[in-house]
């Protein structure tokens, strides 16, 4: 019996030793894989450039060449004449949005292209074909940026689907003076636009495709040459709240409807001084007009005034 106990004890000790040895091998691997990498960029960098804080790279592109999927790139104030592409997991962090500037070197491309799960924070982004182009499969965050003076849209989002894993967030940013829309999606996406100013764009402020899932809150949307917002009910799930939509050259909101189920809700906003209607309703197929009240909803906290053609239009039938 004693011999058998010794054998069991030896087996137990051997298993324990094996588990501990395995953990000692695996744990450093996990620690290494979760380690964040920091790189630094300064347009005034000297001859020695290794991406460290003491010896930063001179261009964002060089830092991106050396980055992996867990890299934060810290960019000092200055003007960087280049087009940049952010791959999965990269965070590009500027000193401050007014003085850290990415100016497109090639104006036939977007100034910034975002792929995968990436983030840009604290930049002025200008002079590209588009300011920011978000790829179809990308989860992207655009935070505390100025996006201005781009040839076409300020921020353009390629259609994909409305999965949370592909969500695009635009927050605390100024999207202004672009050649077409401020924010434009080519197809269905999940989009959050909050605490931002979408102003003085040559077309619509925000133009989202049918099938979009969106939360649009606490924005100033004004002085755009088209409508403040251009939205479509069909297959969409769009909630808006606490927005100021004013002084746009067409409608405050232009809402189209082809007759498919969806939802647009407008809550607690100011819709004022737009050159046509506060809200224009455009029916683009033959169906019962009673569906409008089912899928386009308002609360009683909306404030209208000064819209030249009226607050809410009759239903216009257009194909």
Protein backbone atom coordinates (compact mmCIF):
# COMPACT_ATOMS: atom_id res chain seq x y z
CA UNK A 1 0.00 0.00 0.00
CA UNK A 2 2.81 2.40 0.87
CA UNK A 3 4.54 1.68 -2.43
CA UNK A 4 1.34 2.41 -4.33
CA UNK A 5 0.97 5.76 -2.52
CA UNK A 6 4.52 6.65 -3.47
CA UNK A 7 3.77 5.85 -7.12
CA UNK A 8 0.64 8.05 -7.06
CA UNK A 9 2.62 10.84 -5.39
CA UNK A 10 5.35 10.60 -8.03
CA UNK A 11 2.77 10.73 -10.84
CA UNK A 12 1.11 13.74 -9.19
CA UNK A 13 4.46 15.53 -8.83
CA UNK A 14 5.33 14.75 -12.46
CA UNK A 15 2.00 16.15 -13.71
CA UNK A 16 2.37 19.23 -11.53
CA UNK A 17 5.91 19.82 -12.78
CA UNK A 18 4.73 19.41 -16.40
CA UNK A 19 1.91 21.93 -15.94
CA UNK A 20 4.23 24.47 -14.30
CA UNK A 21 6.82 24.01 -17.06
CA UNK A 22 4.16 24.47 -19.73
CA UNK A 23 2.88 27.65 -18.06
CA UNK A 24 6.42 29.02 -17.88
CA UNK A 25 6.72 28.50 -21.63
CA UNK A 26 3.26 29.83 -22.58
CA UNK A 27 3.01 32.87 -20.29
CA UNK A 28 5.89 34.83 -21.85
CA UNK A 29 4.37 34.17 -25.28
CA UNK A 30 1.03 35.64 -24.19
CA UNK A 31 2.77 38.54 -22.50
CA UNK A 32 4.77 39.24 -25.65
CA UNK A 33 1.73 38.98 -27.94
CA UNK A 34 -0.26 41.48 -25.86
CA UNK A 35 2.58 43.99 -25.61
CA UNK A 36 1.80 47.42 -27.08
CA UNK A 37 4.42 48.92 -29.36
CA UNK A 38 5.03 52.70 -29.39
CA UNK A 39 6.65 54.55 -32.28
CA UNK A 40 7.34 58.27 -32.59
CA UNK A 41 7.33 60.67 -35.55
CA UNK A 42 8.57 64.24 -35.82
CA UNK A 43 8.92 66.18 -39.06
CA UNK A 44 12.00 67.83 -37.51
CA UNK A 45 13.74 64.50 -36.80
CA UNK A 46 17.53 64.36 -37.02
CA UNK A 47 19.79 61.96 -38.91
CA UNK A 48 19.41 59.13 -36.41
CA UNK A 49 15.89 57.72 -36.78
CA UNK A 50 14.80 54.52 -35.09
CA UNK A 51 11.23 55.41 -34.05
CA UNK A 52 12.08 55.95 -30.40
CA UNK A 53 11.00 59.06 -28.52
CA UNK A 54 14.61 60.30 -28.57
CA UNK A 55 15.15 59.49 -32.27
CA UNK A 56 11.76 59.63 -34.01
CA UNK A 57 11.09 58.90 -37.65
CA UNK A 58 10.63 61.88 -39.93
CA UNK A 59 7.56 60.54 -41.79
CA UNK A 60 4.39 58.75 -40.76
CA UNK A 61 4.90 56.36 -43.65
CA UNK A 62 8.21 55.12 -42.20
CA UNK A 63 6.56 54.47 -38.83
CA UNK A 64 3.74 52.59 -40.57
CA UNK A 65 6.32 50.42 -42.36
CA UNK A 66 7.68 49.38 -38.96
CA UNK A 67 4.29 49.04 -37.21
CA UNK A 68 2.45 45.85 -36.38
CA UNK A 69 -1.14 45.23 -35.29
CA UNK A 70 -0.65 46.59 -31.74
CA UNK A 71 1.20 49.81 -32.50
CA UNK A 72 0.52 53.35 -31.32
CA UNK A 73 2.22 55.97 -33.48
CA UNK A 74 2.71 59.33 -31.73
CA UNK A 75 3.09 62.23 -34.17
CA UNK A 76 4.53 65.61 -33.16
CA UNK A 77 3.18 68.94 -34.41
CA UNK A 78 4.04 69.79 -37.99
CA UNK A 79 2.85 69.30 -41.57
CA UNK A 80 3.31 65.86 -43.12
CA UNK A 81 2.96 65.78 -46.91
CA UNK A 82 2.00 62.16 -47.49
CA UNK A 83 -0.89 59.75 -48.03
CA UNK A 84 -1.15 57.19 -45.23
CA UNK A 85 -2.84 53.81 -44.86
CA UNK A 86 -3.69 52.50 -41.38
CA UNK A 87 -3.72 48.72 -41.24
CA UNK A 88 -5.44 46.58 -38.61
CA UNK A 89 -4.78 47.51 -34.98
CA UNK A 90 -2.84 50.72 -35.63
CA UNK A 91 -3.58 53.89 -33.64
CA UNK A 92 -2.30 57.16 -35.10
CA UNK A 93 -2.17 59.86 -32.41
CA UNK A 94 -1.40 63.53 -33.14
CA UNK A 95 -0.21 66.19 -30.71
CA UNK A 96 -3.24 68.38 -31.47
CA UNK A 97 -5.64 68.64 -34.37
CA UNK A 98 -4.92 72.28 -35.23
CA UNK A 99 -1.17 71.92 -35.65
CA UNK A 100 -0.60 68.26 -36.57
CA UNK A 101 -1.47 68.16 -40.27
CA UNK A 102 -1.56 65.38 -42.84
CA UNK A 103 -1.68 66.95 -46.29
CA UNK A 104 -2.08 64.57 -49.23
CA UNK A 105 1.02 64.30 -51.38
CA UNK A 106 -1.04 62.68 -54.16
CA UNK A 107 -4.44 64.33 -54.49
CA UNK A 108 -5.84 61.45 -56.58
CA UNK A 109 -5.86 59.31 -53.43
CA UNK A 110 -7.48 59.66 -50.04
CA UNK A 111 -5.29 61.49 -47.55
CA UNK A 112 -5.92 58.72 -45.00
CA UNK A 113 -7.13 55.19 -45.77
CA UNK A 114 -8.35 53.08 -42.83
CA UNK A 115 -8.25 49.28 -42.88
CA UNK A 116 -9.07 46.74 -40.19
CA UNK A 117 -9.53 47.95 -36.60
CA UNK A 118 -7.73 51.32 -36.69
CA UNK A 119 -7.95 54.74 -35.07
CA UNK A 120 -6.86 58.29 -35.92
CA UNK A 121 -6.97 60.99 -33.23
CA UNK A 122 -5.80 64.60 -33.18
CA UNK A 123 -5.05 65.59 -36.80
CA UNK A 124 -6.04 67.96 -39.57
CA UNK A 125 -6.59 65.83 -42.70
CA UNK A 126 -6.67 67.74 -45.97
CA UNK A 127 -6.15 68.13 -49.72
CA UNK A 128 -6.79 64.53 -50.81
CA UNK A 129 -9.34 63.15 -53.25
CA UNK A 130 -11.17 62.34 -50.03
CA UNK A 131 -10.05 63.18 -46.52
CA UNK A 132 -10.61 59.72 -45.04
CA UNK A 133 -11.59 56.57 -46.93
CA UNK A 134 -12.83 53.72 -44.70
CA UNK A 135 -12.59 50.29 -46.31
CA UNK A 136 -15.57 47.94 -46.36
CA UNK A 137 -14.36 45.53 -43.69
CA UNK A 138 -12.80 48.17 -41.44
CA UNK A 139 -13.74 49.03 -37.90
CA UNK A 140 -12.59 52.63 -37.65
CA UNK A 141 -12.52 55.51 -35.17
CA UNK A 142 -11.98 59.13 -36.24
CA UNK A 143 -11.64 61.19 -33.07
CA UNK A 144 -10.90 64.89 -32.48
CA UNK A 145 -9.89 65.57 -36.10
CA UNK A 146 -10.39 68.36 -38.62
CA UNK A 147 -11.19 67.03 -42.10
CA UNK A 148 -11.22 69.89 -44.59
CA UNK A 149 -10.51 71.08 -48.13
CA UNK A 150 -10.59 67.67 -49.77
CA UNK A 151 -11.68 67.41 -53.43
CA UNK A 152 -14.64 65.11 -52.84
CA UNK A 153 -16.11 63.86 -49.55
CA UNK A 154 -14.57 64.63 -46.18
CA UNK A 155 -15.12 61.09 -44.85
CA UNK A 156 -16.28 58.34 -47.24
CA UNK A 157 -17.30 54.91 -45.92
CA UNK A 158 -17.47 51.89 -48.22
CA UNK A 159 -20.63 49.81 -47.79
CA UNK A 160 -20.32 46.39 -46.17
CA UNK A 161 -22.83 45.43 -43.47
CA UNK A 162 -24.12 46.67 -40.11
CA UNK A 163 -22.09 44.36 -37.85
CA UNK A 164 -20.63 45.99 -34.77
CA UNK A 165 -17.25 44.56 -35.77
CA UNK A 166 -17.35 46.92 -38.79
CA UNK A 167 -18.60 50.03 -36.95
CA UNK A 168 -17.32 53.48 -37.91
CA UNK A 169 -17.20 56.13 -35.15
CA UNK A 170 -16.79 59.85 -35.88
CA UNK A 171 -16.52 61.86 -32.67
CA UNK A 172 -15.49 65.37 -31.54
CA UNK A 173 -14.44 66.24 -35.07
CA UNK A 174 -14.91 69.06 -37.58
CA UNK A 175 -15.75 68.01 -41.15
CA UNK A 176 -15.91 71.14 -43.24
CA UNK A 177 -15.29 72.85 -46.60
CA UNK A 178 -15.03 69.62 -48.57
CA UNK A 179 -15.90 69.43 -52.30
CA UNK A 180 -18.85 67.05 -51.88
CA UNK A 181 -20.50 65.60 -48.75
CA UNK A 182 -19.08 65.92 -45.27
CA UNK A 183 -19.78 62.25 -44.43
CA UNK A 184 -20.89 59.80 -47.12
CA UNK A 185 -21.53 56.05 -47.12
CA UNK A 186 -21.68 54.06 -50.35
CA UNK A 187 -23.79 51.28 -48.80
CA UNK A 188 -25.11 49.85 -45.55
CA UNK A 189 -22.83 50.28 -42.52
CA UNK A 190 -23.05 50.78 -38.77
CA UNK A 191 -22.12 54.42 -38.09
CA UNK A 192 -21.88 56.62 -34.99
CA UNK A 193 -21.55 60.40 -35.47
CA UNK A 194 -21.47 62.42 -32.27
CA UNK A 195 -20.27 65.72 -30.77
CA UNK A 196 -19.05 66.91 -34.18
CA UNK A 197 -19.46 69.86 -36.54
CA UNK A 198 -20.39 69.06 -40.15
CA UNK A 199 -20.33 72.43 -41.88
CA UNK A 200 -19.80 74.31 -45.15
CA UNK A 201 -19.48 71.24 -47.39
CA UNK A 202 -20.31 71.71 -51.07
CA UNK A 203 -23.00 69.00 -51.06
CA UNK A 204 -24.89 67.38 -48.14
CA UNK A 205 -23.60 67.39 -44.60
CA UNK A 206 -24.28 63.69 -43.95
CA UNK A 207 -25.43 61.30 -46.71
CA UNK A 208 -26.04 57.70 -45.58
CA UNK A 209 -27.15 54.85 -47.85
CA UNK A 210 -30.29 52.79 -47.31
CA UNK A 211 -29.85 49.91 -44.90
CA UNK A 212 -27.64 51.94 -42.56
CA UNK A 213 -27.65 51.49 -38.79
CA UNK A 214 -26.72 54.82 -37.21
CA UNK A 215 -26.66 56.87 -34.01
CA UNK A 216 -26.35 60.61 -34.77
CA UNK A 217 -26.19 62.80 -31.67
CA UNK A 218 -25.08 66.21 -30.39
CA UNK A 219 -23.83 67.49 -33.74
CA UNK A 220 -23.91 70.90 -35.40
CA UNK A 221 -24.87 70.37 -39.04
CA UNK A 222 -25.02 73.70 -40.81
CA UNK A 223 -24.22 75.81 -43.86
CA UNK A 224 -23.93 72.84 -46.20
CA UNK A 225 -24.75 73.51 -49.86
CA UNK A 226 -27.13 70.52 -50.04
CA UNK A 227 -29.27 69.16 -47.19
CA UNK A 228 -28.04 68.82 -43.65
CA UNK A 229 -28.81 65.09 -43.62
CA UNK A 230 -29.84 62.84 -46.51
CA UNK A 231 -31.28 59.55 -45.22
CA UNK A 232 -33.34 56.60 -46.50
CA UNK A 233 -35.85 54.67 -44.39
CA UNK A 234 -35.70 51.29 -46.14
CA UNK A 235 -33.90 48.60 -44.07
CA UNK A 236 -32.30 51.37 -42.00
CA UNK A 237 -32.25 51.79 -38.24
CA UNK A 238 -31.29 55.44 -37.63
CA UNK A 239 -31.72 57.34 -34.38
CA UNK A 240 -30.96 61.05 -34.12
CA UNK A 241 -31.00 63.19 -30.98
CA UNK A 242 -29.83 66.60 -29.76
CA UNK A 243 -28.64 67.82 -33.16
CA UNK A 244 -28.65 71.41 -34.40
CA UNK A 245 -29.51 71.35 -38.13
CA UNK A 246 -29.60 74.83 -39.55
CA UNK A 247 -28.83 77.21 -42.41
CA UNK A 248 -28.41 74.47 -45.01
CA UNK A 249 -29.05 75.45 -48.64
CA UNK A 250 -31.71 72.76 -49.14
CA UNK A 251 -33.59 70.82 -46.45
CA UNK A 252 -32.57 70.26 -42.90
CA UNK A 253 -33.30 66.57 -43.50
CA UNK A 254 -34.16 64.94 -46.83
CA UNK A 255 -35.75 61.54 -46.17
CA UNK A 256 -36.43 59.07 -48.98
CA UNK A 257 -38.68 55.99 -48.77
CA UNK A 258 -39.08 53.10 -51.25
CA UNK A 259 -41.66 51.23 -49.14
CA UNK A 260 -39.54 48.65 -47.29
CA UNK A 261 -39.65 48.42 -43.50
CA UNK A 262 -37.07 50.46 -41.57
CA UNK A 263 -36.86 53.15 -38.94
CA UNK A 264 -35.75 56.75 -38.69
CA UNK A 265 -36.39 58.53 -35.39
CA UNK A 266 -35.78 62.25 -34.88
CA UNK A 267 -35.66 63.46 -31.28
CA UNK A 268 -34.97 66.63 -29.30
CA UNK A 269 -33.31 68.66 -32.06
CA UNK A 270 -33.31 72.17 -33.50
CA UNK A 271 -34.16 72.27 -37.22
CA UNK A 272 -34.07 75.93 -38.18
CA UNK A 273 -33.46 78.46 -40.95
CA UNK A 274 -32.96 75.93 -43.76
CA UNK A 275 -33.59 77.26 -47.28
CA UNK A 276 -36.29 74.72 -48.20
CA UNK A 277 -38.11 72.46 -45.71
CA UNK A 278 -37.07 71.51 -42.22
CA UNK A 279 -37.85 67.89 -43.15
CA UNK A 280 -38.67 66.85 -46.73
CA UNK A 281 -40.42 63.48 -47.31
CA UNK A 282 -39.81 61.91 -50.72
CA UNK A 283 -41.70 58.75 -51.72
CA UNK A 284 -39.86 56.87 -54.46
CA UNK A 285 -42.26 53.97 -55.16
CA UNK A 286 -46.01 53.24 -55.15
CA UNK A 287 -47.27 52.18 -51.70
CA UNK A 288 -49.68 53.42 -49.04
CA UNK A 289 -48.58 56.78 -47.67
CA UNK A 290 -49.78 55.62 -44.23
CA UNK A 291 -46.50 53.71 -43.89
CA UNK A 292 -44.64 56.98 -43.39
CA UNK A 293 -46.01 57.47 -39.89
CA UNK A 294 -45.04 53.91 -38.97
CA UNK A 295 -41.40 54.11 -40.00
CA UNK A 296 -40.57 57.83 -39.63
CA UNK A 297 -41.12 58.98 -36.04
CA UNK A 298 -40.63 62.23 -34.11
CA UNK A 299 -40.85 63.27 -30.50
CA UNK A 300 -42.43 66.51 -29.23
CA UNK A 301 -39.10 68.13 -28.28
CA UNK A 302 -38.10 69.14 -31.81
CA UNK A 303 -37.89 72.89 -32.32
CA UNK A 304 -38.66 74.25 -35.79
CA UNK A 305 -38.45 77.81 -36.99
CA UNK A 306 -37.42 79.83 -40.01
CA UNK A 307 -37.47 77.01 -42.59
CA UNK A 308 -38.48 78.85 -45.77
CA UNK A 309 -40.86 76.26 -47.29
CA UNK A 310 -42.21 74.96 -43.99
CA UNK A 311 -41.27 72.56 -41.22
CA UNK A 312 -42.40 69.14 -42.51
CA UNK A 313 -43.24 68.80 -46.19
CA UNK A 314 -46.17 67.00 -47.75
CA UNK A 315 -45.18 63.66 -49.27
CA UNK A 316 -43.58 64.22 -52.67
CA UNK A 317 -43.81 61.33 -55.12
CA UNK A 318 -40.61 61.00 -57.17
CA UNK A 319 -38.98 58.08 -58.97
